[in-house]
Amino acid sequence: MISSQLLRELARDGRDRILVDTAGVPYQVERLPDDAIPPALVVAKVTEAVKEVEGERVVGYLNRDAMWVVEGFLLSGDVVSILPDGVDSAASLIEAVTRAGFQWSAALPAPPLELE
């Protein structure tokens, strides 16, 4: 589970770029842009159909090209240092960082190289 304590431990390890998934598990994203500036939401394009539902009936489909799904967070030690103790979810992390005055950006990993 994502938490202030976990993020502080990762920052103490000397990492200048802390990357965790939405559950708080540290991971590596290949081909994350070098110019991605923390705090950033690591996002991916939505590939599944997105349906608009009323009651139990599908009434339409939404434009998935205008949507991203958040897969993780890119943070810095400076950002982690301001987190209050109550951060315990992806939503509370987003809220705490925003309340501290930081602006979120989006980091879209480059697609894998297709070698022929």
N, C-alpha and C. Protein backbone atom coordinates (compact mmCIF):
# COMPACT_ATOMS: atom_id res chain seq x y z
N MET A 1 0.84 -1.18 0.00
CA MET A 1 0.00 0.00 0.00
C MET A 1 0.89 1.24 0.00
N ILE A 2 0.49 2.23 -0.76
CA ILE A 2 1.25 3.48 -0.82
C ILE A 2 1.13 4.18 0.53
N SER A 3 2.23 4.74 1.01
CA SER A 3 2.19 5.45 2.29
C SER A 3 3.33 6.46 2.37
N SER A 4 3.14 7.45 3.22
CA SER A 4 4.18 8.45 3.47
C SER A 4 5.46 7.77 3.93
N GLN A 5 5.32 6.81 4.84
CA GLN A 5 6.48 6.13 5.41
C GLN A 5 7.27 5.40 4.32
N LEU A 6 6.58 4.65 3.47
CA LEU A 6 7.24 3.93 2.39
C LEU A 6 7.99 4.90 1.47
N LEU A 7 7.35 5.99 1.11
CA LEU A 7 7.98 6.95 0.20
C LEU A 7 9.19 7.60 0.85
N ARG A 8 9.12 7.88 2.16
CA ARG A 8 10.28 8.46 2.86
C ARG A 8 11.44 7.47 2.90
N GLU A 9 11.14 6.19 3.09
CA GLU A 9 12.20 5.17 3.08
C GLU A 9 12.89 5.11 1.72
N LEU A 10 12.11 5.19 0.66
CA LEU A 10 12.69 5.19 -0.69
C LEU A 10 13.55 6.43 -0.90
N ALA A 11 13.11 7.58 -0.39
CA ALA A 11 13.88 8.82 -0.53
C ALA A 11 15.19 8.73 0.26
N ARG A 12 15.16 8.06 1.41
CA ARG A 12 16.38 7.92 2.23
C ARG A 12 17.41 7.04 1.54
N ASP A 13 16.97 6.19 0.64
CA ASP A 13 17.90 5.33 -0.09
C ASP A 13 18.74 6.11 -1.10
N GLY A 14 18.54 7.42 -1.16
CA GLY A 14 19.35 8.25 -2.03
C GLY A 14 18.84 8.38 -3.46
N ARG A 15 17.65 7.93 -3.70
CA ARG A 15 17.09 8.05 -5.04
C ARG A 15 16.66 9.48 -5.30
N ASP A 16 17.04 10.03 -6.44
CA ASP A 16 16.60 11.38 -6.76
C ASP A 16 15.29 11.35 -7.55
N ARG A 17 14.97 10.21 -8.13
CA ARG A 17 13.68 10.02 -8.81
C ARG A 17 13.05 8.76 -8.24
N ILE A 18 11.95 8.95 -7.53
CA ILE A 18 11.26 7.84 -6.88
C ILE A 18 10.06 7.49 -7.74
N LEU A 19 10.01 6.24 -8.15
CA LEU A 19 8.95 5.79 -9.04
C LEU A 19 8.21 4.64 -8.38
N VAL A 20 6.91 4.84 -8.14
CA VAL A 20 6.09 3.79 -7.54
C VAL A 20 4.82 3.63 -8.36
N ASP A 21 4.26 2.41 -8.32
CA ASP A 21 2.98 2.22 -9.00
C ASP A 21 1.87 2.73 -8.09
N THR A 22 0.63 2.61 -8.50
CA THR A 22 -0.48 3.18 -7.74
C THR A 22 -0.72 2.46 -6.41
N ALA A 23 -0.10 1.29 -6.23
CA ALA A 23 -0.19 0.59 -4.95
C ALA A 23 1.00 0.92 -4.04
N GLY A 24 1.97 1.68 -4.56
CA GLY A 24 3.14 2.05 -3.77
C GLY A 24 4.33 1.14 -3.96
N VAL A 25 4.27 0.23 -4.90
CA VAL A 25 5.37 -0.70 -5.14
C VAL A 25 6.39 -0.03 -6.07
N PRO A 26 7.66 0.05 -5.63
CA PRO A 26 8.68 0.65 -6.50
C PRO A 26 8.83 -0.17 -7.78
N TYR A 27 9.02 0.52 -8.88
CA TYR A 27 9.23 -0.19 -10.14
C TYR A 27 10.02 0.66 -11.10
N GLN A 28 10.41 0.05 -12.19
CA GLN A 28 11.15 0.73 -13.24
C GLN A 28 10.27 0.82 -14.48
N VAL A 29 10.27 1.95 -15.10
CA VAL A 29 9.58 2.11 -16.37
C VAL A 29 10.65 2.33 -17.42
N GLU A 30 10.72 1.41 -18.33
CA GLU A 30 11.67 1.60 -19.42
C GLU A 30 11.16 2.72 -20.31
N ARG A 31 12.09 3.54 -20.74
CA ARG A 31 11.79 4.59 -21.70
C ARG A 31 10.93 5.72 -21.12
N LEU A 32 11.02 5.95 -19.80
CA LEU A 32 10.38 7.12 -19.22
C LEU A 32 11.20 8.32 -19.66
N PRO A 33 10.57 9.36 -20.17
CA PRO A 33 11.35 10.49 -20.67
C PRO A 33 12.29 11.07 -19.62
N ASP A 34 13.54 11.34 -20.02
CA ASP A 34 14.52 11.92 -19.10
C ASP A 34 14.09 13.29 -18.60
N ASP A 35 13.28 13.99 -19.41
CA ASP A 35 12.86 15.33 -19.01
C ASP A 35 11.57 15.33 -18.18
N ALA A 36 11.11 14.15 -17.77
CA ALA A 36 9.93 14.08 -16.90
C ALA A 36 10.31 14.68 -15.55
N ILE A 37 9.56 15.68 -15.14
CA ILE A 37 9.87 16.42 -13.92
C ILE A 37 8.91 16.02 -12.81
N PRO A 38 9.43 15.57 -11.67
CA PRO A 38 8.54 15.23 -10.55
C PRO A 38 7.88 16.49 -9.97
N PRO A 39 6.70 16.42 -9.46
CA PRO A 39 5.85 15.24 -9.43
C PRO A 39 5.15 15.03 -10.77
N ALA A 40 5.11 13.79 -11.19
CA ALA A 40 4.46 13.46 -12.45
C ALA A 40 3.61 12.21 -12.29
N LEU A 41 2.51 12.20 -12.99
CA LEU A 41 1.68 11.01 -13.08
C LEU A 41 2.21 10.20 -14.26
N VAL A 42 2.57 8.96 -14.02
CA VAL A 42 3.00 8.09 -15.12
C VAL A 42 1.72 7.49 -15.70
N VAL A 43 1.48 7.79 -16.95
CA VAL A 43 0.20 7.45 -17.56
C VAL A 43 0.36 6.55 -18.77
N ALA A 44 -0.72 5.93 -19.15
CA ALA A 44 -0.78 5.12 -20.36
C ALA A 44 -2.09 5.46 -21.07
N LYS A 45 -2.08 5.25 -22.36
CA LYS A 45 -3.31 5.48 -23.12
C LYS A 45 -4.33 4.40 -22.77
N VAL A 46 -5.58 4.78 -22.76
CA VAL A 46 -6.67 3.83 -22.53
C VAL A 46 -6.87 3.03 -23.80
N THR A 47 -6.85 1.71 -23.67
CA THR A 47 -6.98 0.86 -24.85
C THR A 47 -8.30 0.09 -24.89
N GLU A 48 -9.00 0.07 -23.79
CA GLU A 48 -10.29 -0.63 -23.73
C GLU A 48 -11.42 0.33 -24.08
N ALA A 49 -12.53 -0.22 -24.52
CA ALA A 49 -13.72 0.59 -24.78
C ALA A 49 -14.22 1.18 -23.46
N VAL A 50 -14.65 2.43 -23.51
CA VAL A 50 -15.19 3.09 -22.33
C VAL A 50 -16.66 3.37 -22.60
N LYS A 51 -17.50 2.72 -21.82
CA LYS A 51 -18.94 2.79 -22.06
C LYS A 51 -19.61 3.77 -21.11
N GLU A 52 -20.60 4.46 -21.62
CA GLU A 52 -21.45 5.32 -20.80
C GLU A 52 -22.69 4.50 -20.46
N VAL A 53 -22.97 4.37 -19.16
CA VAL A 53 -24.04 3.50 -18.71
C VAL A 53 -25.07 4.31 -17.91
N GLU A 54 -26.33 4.03 -18.17
CA GLU A 54 -27.43 4.56 -17.35
C GLU A 54 -28.20 3.37 -16.82
N GLY A 55 -28.24 3.24 -15.50
CA GLY A 55 -28.85 2.06 -14.92
C GLY A 55 -28.03 0.84 -15.29
N GLU A 56 -28.65 -0.08 -15.99
CA GLU A 56 -27.95 -1.28 -16.44
C GLU A 56 -27.80 -1.31 -17.95
N ARG A 57 -28.03 -0.18 -18.60
CA ARG A 57 -28.03 -0.14 -20.06
C ARG A 57 -26.89 0.73 -20.58
N VAL A 58 -26.18 0.23 -21.58
CA VAL A 58 -25.14 1.02 -22.25
C VAL A 58 -25.84 2.02 -23.17
N VAL A 59 -25.53 3.31 -22.97
CA VAL A 59 -26.18 4.35 -23.78
C VAL A 59 -25.22 5.01 -24.75
N GLY A 60 -23.94 4.66 -24.67
CA GLY A 60 -22.97 5.24 -25.60
C GLY A 60 -21.56 4.86 -25.22
N TYR A 61 -20.65 5.35 -26.02
CA TYR A 61 -19.23 5.10 -25.80
C TYR A 61 -18.51 6.43 -25.72
N LEU A 62 -17.56 6.54 -24.80
CA LEU A 62 -16.79 7.76 -24.64
C LEU A 62 -15.53 7.70 -25.50
N ASN A 63 -15.00 8.86 -25.83
CA ASN A 63 -13.80 8.96 -26.65
C ASN A 63 -12.58 8.62 -25.79
N ARG A 64 -12.06 7.42 -25.95
CA ARG A 64 -10.92 6.99 -25.13
C ARG A 64 -9.63 7.67 -25.54
N ASP A 65 -9.57 8.29 -26.72
CA ASP A 65 -8.35 8.98 -27.15
C ASP A 65 -8.04 10.18 -26.26
N ALA A 66 -9.06 10.70 -25.57
CA ALA A 66 -8.87 11.85 -24.69
C ALA A 66 -8.62 11.44 -23.24
N MET A 67 -8.40 10.13 -23.00
CA MET A 67 -8.25 9.63 -21.63
C MET A 67 -6.90 8.96 -21.43
N TRP A 68 -6.44 9.03 -20.18
CA TRP A 68 -5.25 8.31 -19.76
C TRP A 68 -5.60 7.54 -18.50
N VAL A 69 -4.86 6.48 -18.27
CA VAL A 69 -4.97 5.75 -17.02
C VAL A 69 -3.66 5.97 -16.26
N VAL A 70 -3.76 6.30 -14.98
CA VAL A 70 -2.57 6.53 -14.16
C VAL A 70 -2.03 5.17 -13.72
N GLU A 71 -0.76 4.92 -14.05
CA GLU A 71 -0.11 3.66 -13.68
C GLU A 71 0.88 3.83 -12.53
N GLY A 72 1.31 5.07 -12.28
CA GLY A 72 2.28 5.27 -11.21
C GLY A 72 2.56 6.74 -10.98
N PHE A 73 3.53 6.98 -10.10
CA PHE A 73 3.91 8.33 -9.71
C PHE A 73 5.42 8.48 -9.75
N LEU A 74 5.88 9.56 -10.32
CA LEU A 74 7.29 9.92 -10.30
C LEU A 74 7.42 11.07 -9.31
N LEU A 75 8.21 10.85 -8.26
CA LEU A 75 8.37 11.85 -7.20
C LEU A 75 9.85 12.14 -6.99
N SER A 76 10.12 13.25 -6.33
CA SER A 76 11.49 13.60 -5.95
C SER A 76 11.56 13.62 -4.43
N GLY A 77 12.78 13.67 -3.91
CA GLY A 77 12.96 13.77 -2.45
C GLY A 77 12.31 15.01 -1.89
N ASP A 78 12.36 16.13 -2.63
CA ASP A 78 11.74 17.37 -2.17
C ASP A 78 10.23 17.20 -2.00
N VAL A 79 9.62 16.53 -2.96
CA VAL A 79 8.17 16.30 -2.88
C VAL A 79 7.85 15.38 -1.71
N VAL A 80 8.59 14.29 -1.58
CA VAL A 80 8.33 13.32 -0.51
C VAL A 80 8.51 13.97 0.86
N SER A 81 9.46 14.88 1.00
CA SER A 81 9.74 15.49 2.30
C SER A 81 8.58 16.31 2.85
N ILE A 82 7.66 16.75 2.01
CA ILE A 82 6.54 17.58 2.48
C ILE A 82 5.29 16.77 2.77
N LEU A 83 5.33 15.46 2.51
CA LEU A 83 4.12 14.66 2.68
C LEU A 83 3.74 14.52 4.14
N PRO A 84 2.47 14.72 4.47
CA PRO A 84 2.03 14.48 5.85
C PRO A 84 1.96 12.98 6.12
N ASP A 85 1.84 12.62 7.39
CA ASP A 85 1.82 11.21 7.78
C ASP A 85 0.59 10.46 7.28
N GLY A 86 -0.49 11.13 6.95
CA GLY A 86 -1.74 10.44 6.61
C GLY A 86 -1.87 9.92 5.19
N VAL A 87 -0.84 10.05 4.37
CA VAL A 87 -0.94 9.57 3.00
C VAL A 87 -1.00 8.05 3.02
N ASP A 88 -2.10 7.49 2.50
CA ASP A 88 -2.27 6.04 2.54
C ASP A 88 -2.96 5.48 1.30
N SER A 89 -3.02 6.29 0.25
CA SER A 89 -3.63 5.84 -1.00
C SER A 89 -3.14 6.73 -2.14
N ALA A 90 -3.39 6.29 -3.35
CA ALA A 90 -3.03 7.10 -4.51
C ALA A 90 -3.77 8.44 -4.47
N ALA A 91 -5.05 8.40 -4.11
CA ALA A 91 -5.85 9.63 -4.06
C ALA A 91 -5.31 10.60 -3.01
N SER A 92 -4.93 10.09 -1.83
CA SER A 92 -4.42 10.99 -0.79
C SER A 92 -3.03 11.52 -1.14
N LEU A 93 -2.25 10.75 -1.91
CA LEU A 93 -0.96 11.25 -2.38
C LEU A 93 -1.17 12.41 -3.35
N ILE A 94 -2.06 12.24 -4.29
CA ILE A 94 -2.35 13.32 -5.25
C ILE A 94 -2.83 14.56 -4.52
N GLU A 95 -3.71 14.39 -3.56
CA GLU A 95 -4.25 15.52 -2.80
C GLU A 95 -3.16 16.22 -1.98
N ALA A 96 -2.31 15.46 -1.29
CA ALA A 96 -1.27 16.05 -0.44
C ALA A 96 -0.26 16.84 -1.27
N VAL A 97 0.14 16.29 -2.39
CA VAL A 97 1.12 16.97 -3.25
C VAL A 97 0.51 18.24 -3.83
N THR A 98 -0.74 18.16 -4.24
CA THR A 98 -1.43 19.33 -4.80
C THR A 98 -1.61 20.41 -3.74
N ARG A 99 -2.02 20.02 -2.54
CA ARG A 99 -2.21 21.00 -1.45
C ARG A 99 -0.90 21.69 -1.07
N ALA A 100 0.21 20.99 -1.25
CA ALA A 100 1.52 21.57 -0.93
C ALA A 100 1.97 22.58 -2.00
N GLY A 101 1.19 22.70 -3.07
CA GLY A 101 1.49 23.72 -4.07
C GLY A 101 2.25 23.21 -5.28
N PHE A 102 2.48 21.92 -5.35
CA PHE A 102 3.17 21.37 -6.52
C PHE A 102 2.19 21.18 -7.67
N GLN A 103 2.68 21.33 -8.87
CA GLN A 103 1.88 21.11 -10.08
C GLN A 103 2.22 19.73 -10.64
N TRP A 104 1.23 18.90 -10.85
CA TRP A 104 1.45 17.59 -11.46
C TRP A 104 1.64 17.75 -12.96
N SER A 105 2.51 16.95 -13.51
CA SER A 105 2.64 16.85 -14.96
C SER A 105 2.36 15.39 -15.32
N ALA A 106 2.29 15.11 -16.60
CA ALA A 106 2.06 13.74 -17.05
C ALA A 106 3.32 13.24 -17.76
N ALA A 107 3.70 12.02 -17.47
CA ALA A 107 4.85 11.39 -18.14
C ALA A 107 4.33 10.15 -18.85
N LEU A 108 4.38 10.19 -20.15
CA LEU A 108 3.92 9.07 -20.96
C LEU A 108 5.14 8.32 -21.46
N PRO A 109 5.36 7.10 -20.96
CA PRO A 109 6.53 6.34 -21.43
C PRO A 109 6.47 6.14 -22.93
N ALA A 110 7.63 6.19 -23.55
CA ALA A 110 7.71 5.95 -24.99
C ALA A 110 7.37 4.49 -25.26
N PRO A 111 6.75 4.23 -26.40
CA PRO A 111 6.45 2.83 -26.72
C PRO A 111 7.74 2.05 -26.95
N PRO A 112 7.69 0.75 -26.77
CA PRO A 112 8.90 -0.04 -27.02
C PRO A 112 9.35 0.09 -28.48
N LEU A 113 10.66 0.03 -28.66
CA LEU A 113 11.18 0.09 -30.01
C LEU A 113 10.77 -1.17 -30.78
N GLU A 114 10.34 -0.97 -32.00
CA GLU A 114 10.00 -2.11 -32.83
C GLU A 114 11.14 -2.35 -33.78
N LEU A 115 11.87 -3.41 -33.54
CA LEU A 115 13.00 -3.75 -34.37
C LEU A 115 12.58 -4.75 -35.44
N GLU A 116 13.02 -4.53 -36.64
CA GLU A 116 12.66 -5.46 -37.72
C GLU A 116 13.81 -6.37 -38.02
